[in-house]
Amino acid sequence: MTRSLPLTLLCASLGIAALAGCSNDPELKNQLTPELRNADYPPLLPIEELVPLQPLPDQESAQLEKNLNARSNSLQRRADALRRATN
């Protein structure tokens, strides 16, 4: 059974790419100073301290509904005043 040339080239290039990924880069390994390498891990904090608490969806939707109703009433009063002024 013979393989086609493009398939052979594809397999060869994949093999070379895989071998290149296994190489060691000494300049990457030497970037950490001994102090950083021997440093303690930072303390773990509870998520509640890191992320601010968000309002509950019920409270947020109630506040949004209240704001929209107030805006609607204000616009309705303004429209009524404009209708009275043009009549």
N, C-alpha and C. Protein backbone atom coordinates (compact mmCIF):
# COMPACT_ATOMS: atom_id res chain seq x y z
N MET A 1 0.84 -1.17 0.00
CA MET A 1 0.00 0.00 0.00
C MET A 1 0.89 1.24 0.00
N THR A 2 0.66 2.17 -0.89
CA THR A 2 1.47 3.39 -0.98
C THR A 2 0.64 4.56 -0.47
N ARG A 3 1.34 5.45 0.18
CA ARG A 3 0.66 6.66 0.67
C ARG A 3 0.93 7.80 -0.30
N SER A 4 0.01 8.70 -0.33
CA SER A 4 0.21 9.85 -1.20
C SER A 4 1.21 10.82 -0.57
N LEU A 5 1.84 11.60 -1.40
CA LEU A 5 2.86 12.54 -0.95
C LEU A 5 2.29 13.59 0.02
N PRO A 6 1.13 14.19 -0.23
CA PRO A 6 0.61 15.19 0.72
C PRO A 6 0.36 14.60 2.11
N LEU A 7 -0.13 13.36 2.18
CA LEU A 7 -0.38 12.75 3.48
C LEU A 7 0.93 12.49 4.21
N THR A 8 1.96 12.09 3.49
CA THR A 8 3.28 11.85 4.10
C THR A 8 3.86 13.16 4.61
N LEU A 9 3.74 14.23 3.83
CA LEU A 9 4.24 15.53 4.26
C LEU A 9 3.48 16.05 5.48
N LEU A 10 2.18 15.81 5.51
CA LEU A 10 1.37 16.23 6.65
C LEU A 10 1.80 15.50 7.92
N CYS A 11 1.98 14.20 7.82
CA CYS A 11 2.41 13.40 8.98
C CYS A 11 3.80 13.84 9.45
N ALA A 12 4.69 14.10 8.52
CA ALA A 12 6.04 14.53 8.88
C ALA A 12 6.03 15.89 9.56
N SER A 13 5.23 16.82 9.04
CA SER A 13 5.18 18.16 9.66
C SER A 13 4.53 18.11 11.04
N LEU A 14 3.54 17.25 11.22
CA LEU A 14 2.93 17.09 12.54
C LEU A 14 3.91 16.48 13.53
N GLY A 15 4.72 15.54 13.07
CA GLY A 15 5.74 14.93 13.92
C GLY A 15 6.81 15.93 14.33
N ILE A 16 7.24 16.76 13.41
CA ILE A 16 8.24 17.78 13.72
C ILE A 16 7.67 18.81 14.69
N ALA A 17 6.41 19.19 14.49
CA ALA A 17 5.78 20.15 15.40
C ALA A 17 5.64 19.57 16.80
N ALA A 18 5.31 18.29 16.89
CA ALA A 18 5.20 17.65 18.20
C ALA A 18 6.54 17.59 18.90
N LEU A 19 7.59 17.30 18.17
CA LEU A 19 8.94 17.26 18.77
C LEU A 19 9.38 18.66 19.20
N ALA A 20 9.04 19.66 18.45
CA ALA A 20 9.42 21.03 18.82
C ALA A 20 8.70 21.47 20.09
N GLY A 21 7.51 20.97 20.33
CA GLY A 21 6.77 21.31 21.54
C GLY A 21 7.35 20.67 22.78
N CYS A 22 8.18 19.65 22.61
CA CYS A 22 8.78 18.96 23.75
C CYS A 22 10.11 19.56 24.17
N SER A 23 10.58 20.59 23.51
CA SER A 23 11.88 21.15 23.84
C SER A 23 11.80 21.98 25.11
N ASN A 24 12.94 22.12 25.78
CA ASN A 24 13.04 22.94 26.98
C ASN A 24 13.57 24.31 26.60
N ASP A 25 12.94 25.35 27.11
CA ASP A 25 13.41 26.70 26.90
C ASP A 25 14.09 27.17 28.17
N PRO A 26 15.42 27.21 28.21
CA PRO A 26 16.10 27.59 29.44
C PRO A 26 15.82 29.04 29.85
N GLU A 27 15.60 29.92 28.88
CA GLU A 27 15.35 31.31 29.25
C GLU A 27 14.01 31.48 29.98
N LEU A 28 13.07 30.59 29.75
CA LEU A 28 11.80 30.66 30.48
C LEU A 28 11.94 30.13 31.90
N LYS A 29 12.75 29.13 32.08
CA LYS A 29 12.89 28.53 33.40
C LYS A 29 13.70 29.40 34.35
N ASN A 30 14.57 30.26 33.83
CA ASN A 30 15.44 31.06 34.68
C ASN A 30 14.86 32.44 34.99
N GLN A 31 13.61 32.69 34.70
CA GLN A 31 13.03 34.00 34.95
C GLN A 31 12.67 34.20 36.42
N LEU A 32 12.41 33.13 37.16
CA LEU A 32 12.07 33.26 38.57
C LEU A 32 13.34 33.39 39.39
N THR A 33 13.35 34.42 40.25
CA THR A 33 14.48 34.58 41.16
C THR A 33 14.36 33.57 42.28
N PRO A 34 15.45 33.28 42.98
CA PRO A 34 15.36 32.34 44.11
C PRO A 34 14.38 32.80 45.19
N GLU A 35 14.28 34.13 45.39
CA GLU A 35 13.33 34.64 46.39
C GLU A 35 11.90 34.30 45.99
N LEU A 36 11.59 34.50 44.70
CA LEU A 36 10.24 34.17 44.23
C LEU A 36 10.00 32.66 44.25
N ARG A 37 11.00 31.91 43.93
CA ARG A 37 10.86 30.46 43.90
C ARG A 37 10.59 29.90 45.30
N ASN A 38 11.16 30.53 46.34
CA ASN A 38 11.01 30.06 47.72
C ASN A 38 9.94 30.81 48.49
N ALA A 39 9.24 31.73 47.85
CA ALA A 39 8.23 32.54 48.54
C ALA A 39 7.03 31.68 48.93
N ASP A 40 6.37 32.10 50.01
CA ASP A 40 5.15 31.41 50.45
C ASP A 40 4.01 31.72 49.50
N TYR A 41 3.05 30.82 49.46
CA TYR A 41 1.85 31.06 48.68
C TYR A 41 1.04 32.17 49.36
N PRO A 42 0.32 32.99 48.58
CA PRO A 42 -0.52 34.01 49.21
C PRO A 42 -1.67 33.36 49.96
N PRO A 43 -2.19 34.03 50.97
CA PRO A 43 -3.31 33.44 51.71
C PRO A 43 -4.57 33.37 50.84
N LEU A 44 -5.34 32.34 51.04
CA LEU A 44 -6.61 32.20 50.33
C LEU A 44 -7.69 32.94 51.10
N LEU A 45 -8.48 33.72 50.38
CA LEU A 45 -9.53 34.51 51.01
C LEU A 45 -10.89 33.98 50.58
N PRO A 46 -11.90 34.14 51.43
CA PRO A 46 -13.26 33.74 51.03
C PRO A 46 -13.74 34.61 49.87
N ILE A 47 -14.55 34.05 49.03
CA ILE A 47 -15.04 34.76 47.85
C ILE A 47 -15.87 35.99 48.23
N GLU A 48 -16.52 35.94 49.41
CA GLU A 48 -17.34 37.07 49.84
C GLU A 48 -16.50 38.32 50.05
N GLU A 49 -15.23 38.15 50.42
CA GLU A 49 -14.36 39.30 50.62
C GLU A 49 -13.81 39.84 49.31
N LEU A 50 -13.75 39.02 48.30
CA LEU A 50 -13.16 39.43 47.03
C LEU A 50 -14.17 40.05 46.07
N VAL A 51 -15.40 39.57 46.11
CA VAL A 51 -16.43 40.03 45.19
C VAL A 51 -17.51 40.76 45.99
N PRO A 52 -17.83 41.99 45.63
CA PRO A 52 -18.89 42.68 46.37
C PRO A 52 -20.24 41.99 46.17
N LEU A 53 -21.03 42.00 47.21
CA LEU A 53 -22.34 41.37 47.14
C LEU A 53 -23.26 42.15 46.22
N GLN A 54 -23.99 41.46 45.41
CA GLN A 54 -24.94 42.07 44.49
C GLN A 54 -26.33 41.99 45.12
N PRO A 55 -27.19 42.95 44.82
CA PRO A 55 -28.55 42.87 45.36
C PRO A 55 -29.28 41.66 44.80
N LEU A 56 -30.22 41.17 45.56
CA LEU A 56 -31.02 40.04 45.11
C LEU A 56 -31.84 40.45 43.90
N PRO A 57 -32.12 39.54 42.99
CA PRO A 57 -32.89 39.89 41.79
C PRO A 57 -34.27 40.46 42.12
N ASP A 58 -34.90 39.94 43.19
CA ASP A 58 -36.21 40.47 43.56
C ASP A 58 -36.11 41.93 43.97
N GLN A 59 -35.10 42.26 44.76
CA GLN A 59 -34.93 43.65 45.20
C GLN A 59 -34.57 44.55 44.03
N GLU A 60 -33.69 44.06 43.17
CA GLU A 60 -33.27 44.86 42.03
C GLU A 60 -34.42 45.10 41.06
N SER A 61 -35.23 44.08 40.81
CA SER A 61 -36.35 44.26 39.88
C SER A 61 -37.42 45.16 40.49
N ALA A 62 -37.61 45.08 41.81
CA ALA A 62 -38.59 45.95 42.46
C ALA A 62 -38.14 47.41 42.35
N GLN A 63 -36.85 47.67 42.55
CA GLN A 63 -36.32 49.04 42.43
C GLN A 63 -36.43 49.53 40.99
N LEU A 64 -36.14 48.67 40.03
CA LEU A 64 -36.25 49.05 38.62
C LEU A 64 -37.70 49.35 38.26
N GLU A 65 -38.62 48.52 38.73
CA GLU A 65 -40.05 48.76 38.46
C GLU A 65 -40.49 50.08 39.08
N LYS A 66 -40.03 50.38 40.28
CA LYS A 66 -40.38 51.63 40.94
C LYS A 66 -39.86 52.83 40.13
N ASN A 67 -38.60 52.75 39.66
CA ASN A 67 -38.03 53.83 38.86
C ASN A 67 -38.77 54.01 37.54
N LEU A 68 -39.11 52.90 36.89
CA LEU A 68 -39.82 53.00 35.61
C LEU A 68 -41.22 53.56 35.78
N ASN A 69 -41.91 53.17 36.86
CA ASN A 69 -43.24 53.72 37.13
C ASN A 69 -43.17 55.21 37.41
N ALA A 70 -42.16 55.64 38.17
CA ALA A 70 -42.01 57.07 38.45
C ALA A 70 -41.73 57.84 37.17
N ARG A 71 -40.90 57.30 36.31
CA ARG A 71 -40.60 57.96 35.05
C ARG A 71 -41.83 58.01 34.15
N SER A 72 -42.57 56.91 34.12
CA SER A 72 -43.79 56.86 33.32
C SER A 72 -44.80 57.90 33.79
N ASN A 73 -44.98 58.00 35.10
CA ASN A 73 -45.93 58.99 35.65
C ASN A 73 -45.47 60.41 35.32
N SER A 74 -44.16 60.66 35.42
CA SER A 74 -43.64 61.99 35.10
C SER A 74 -43.87 62.32 33.63
N LEU A 75 -43.62 61.38 32.75
CA LEU A 75 -43.85 61.62 31.33
C LEU A 75 -45.33 61.78 31.01
N GLN A 76 -46.17 61.03 31.71
CA GLN A 76 -47.62 61.16 31.49
C GLN A 76 -48.10 62.55 31.92
N ARG A 77 -47.63 63.05 33.07
CA ARG A 77 -48.01 64.40 33.53
C ARG A 77 -47.51 65.45 32.54
N ARG A 78 -46.31 65.27 32.02
CA ARG A 78 -45.75 66.21 31.05
C ARG A 78 -46.57 66.21 29.76
N ALA A 79 -46.98 65.02 29.30
CA ALA A 79 -47.80 64.93 28.09
C ALA A 79 -49.16 65.59 28.32
N ASP A 80 -49.76 65.37 29.50
CA ASP A 80 -51.05 66.02 29.82
C ASP A 80 -50.91 67.53 29.83
N ALA A 81 -49.81 68.03 30.39
CA ALA A 81 -49.58 69.48 30.44
C ALA A 81 -49.41 70.03 29.03
N LEU A 82 -48.72 69.31 28.16
CA LEU A 82 -48.55 69.77 26.78
C LEU A 82 -49.88 69.75 26.03
N ARG A 83 -50.71 68.75 26.28
CA ARG A 83 -52.03 68.70 25.63
C ARG A 83 -52.90 69.88 26.08
N ARG A 84 -52.86 70.20 27.37
CA ARG A 84 -53.65 71.33 27.87
C ARG A 84 -53.14 72.64 27.29
N ALA A 85 -51.83 72.77 27.12
CA ALA A 85 -51.25 74.01 26.61
C ALA A 85 -51.59 74.23 25.14
N THR A 86 -51.77 73.17 24.36
CA THR A 86 -52.05 73.33 22.94
C THR A 86 -53.53 73.44 22.65
N ASN A 87 -54.38 73.17 23.62
CA ASN A 87 -55.84 73.26 23.38
C ASN A 87 -56.35 74.62 23.65
